[in-house]
Amino acid sequence: MTDLTLTIPDMSCGHCKAAVEGAVTGADPAAKVAVDLETKTAKVETALAPAQVLAALNEAGYPATAA
């Protein structure tokens, strides 16, 4: 499992939170995602490579960077 902390500057609401969680779990259904809208970060525990997580978020319209 990979533990990632991501900065996702385009998140601002509950819809954004759901979209980010859905993008990650769509790529890895077993992933755990904890989104913090206040800090615009997400902690992700996944079997995916970091590049795969970033690609899934970018495709969903939420470009992210590893924090």
Protein backbone atom coordinates (compact mmCIF):
# COMPACT_ATOMS: atom_id res chain seq x y z
CA MET A 1 0.00 0.00 0.00
CA THR A 2 1.07 3.54 -0.74
CA ASP A 3 0.28 6.45 1.58
CA LEU A 4 0.02 9.77 -0.24
CA THR A 5 -0.73 13.28 0.91
CA LEU A 6 -1.96 15.35 -2.00
CA THR A 7 -2.62 19.04 -2.45
CA ILE A 8 -5.71 19.65 -4.60
CA PRO A 9 -6.20 23.42 -4.94
CA ASP A 10 -9.44 23.26 -6.96
CA MET A 11 -11.50 21.67 -4.16
CA SER A 12 -13.99 23.99 -2.48
CA CYS A 13 -17.22 22.13 -1.63
CA GLY A 14 -18.87 18.83 -0.80
CA HIS A 15 -19.29 18.03 -4.49
CA CYS A 16 -15.53 18.45 -4.97
CA LYS A 17 -14.87 16.14 -2.01
CA ALA A 18 -17.17 13.47 -3.46
CA ALA A 19 -15.63 13.81 -6.92
CA VAL A 20 -12.10 13.40 -5.56
CA GLU A 21 -13.09 10.38 -3.48
CA GLY A 22 -14.90 8.88 -6.47
CA ALA A 23 -11.97 9.40 -8.80
CA VAL A 24 -9.60 7.57 -6.48
CA THR A 25 -11.97 4.75 -5.53
CA GLY A 26 -12.98 4.38 -9.17
CA ALA A 27 -9.36 3.54 -9.96
CA ASP A 28 -8.84 1.48 -6.78
CA PRO A 29 -12.05 0.38 -5.04
CA ALA A 30 -10.06 -0.65 -1.94
CA ALA A 31 -8.46 2.79 -1.54
CA LYS A 32 -9.07 4.87 1.57
CA VAL A 33 -9.45 8.60 0.97
CA ALA A 34 -9.64 11.35 3.60
CA VAL A 35 -10.34 14.77 2.11
CA ASP A 36 -9.84 18.01 4.06
CA LEU A 37 -11.53 20.88 2.23
CA GLU A 38 -10.15 23.51 4.62
CA THR A 39 -6.53 22.68 3.79
CA LYS A 40 -7.35 21.48 0.24
CA THR A 41 -5.53 18.21 0.86
CA ALA A 42 -6.33 14.52 0.63
CA LYS A 43 -4.67 11.59 2.32
CA VAL A 44 -4.87 8.48 0.19
CA GLU A 45 -4.02 4.89 1.08
CA THR A 46 -3.96 2.81 -2.08
CA ALA A 47 -2.32 -0.02 -3.97
CA LEU A 48 -1.93 2.29 -6.99
CA ALA A 49 1.30 4.02 -7.93
CA PRO A 50 1.31 7.76 -7.16
CA ALA A 51 1.26 8.58 -10.88
CA GLN A 52 -1.93 6.53 -11.31
CA VAL A 53 -3.67 8.43 -8.51
CA LEU A 54 -2.59 11.78 -9.94
CA ALA A 55 -3.77 10.72 -13.41
CA ALA A 56 -7.20 9.67 -12.08
CA LEU A 57 -7.63 13.01 -10.30
CA ASN A 58 -6.47 14.99 -13.32
CA GLU A 59 -8.94 13.11 -15.52
CA ALA A 60 -11.71 13.99 -13.04
CA GLY A 61 -10.80 17.67 -13.29
CA TYR A 62 -8.94 17.94 -9.98
CA PRO A 63 -5.23 18.26 -10.73
CA ALA A 64 -3.19 17.41 -7.67
CA THR A 65 0.39 17.48 -6.53
CA ALA A 66 2.12 15.35 -3.94
CA ALA A 67 2.47 17.42 -0.79
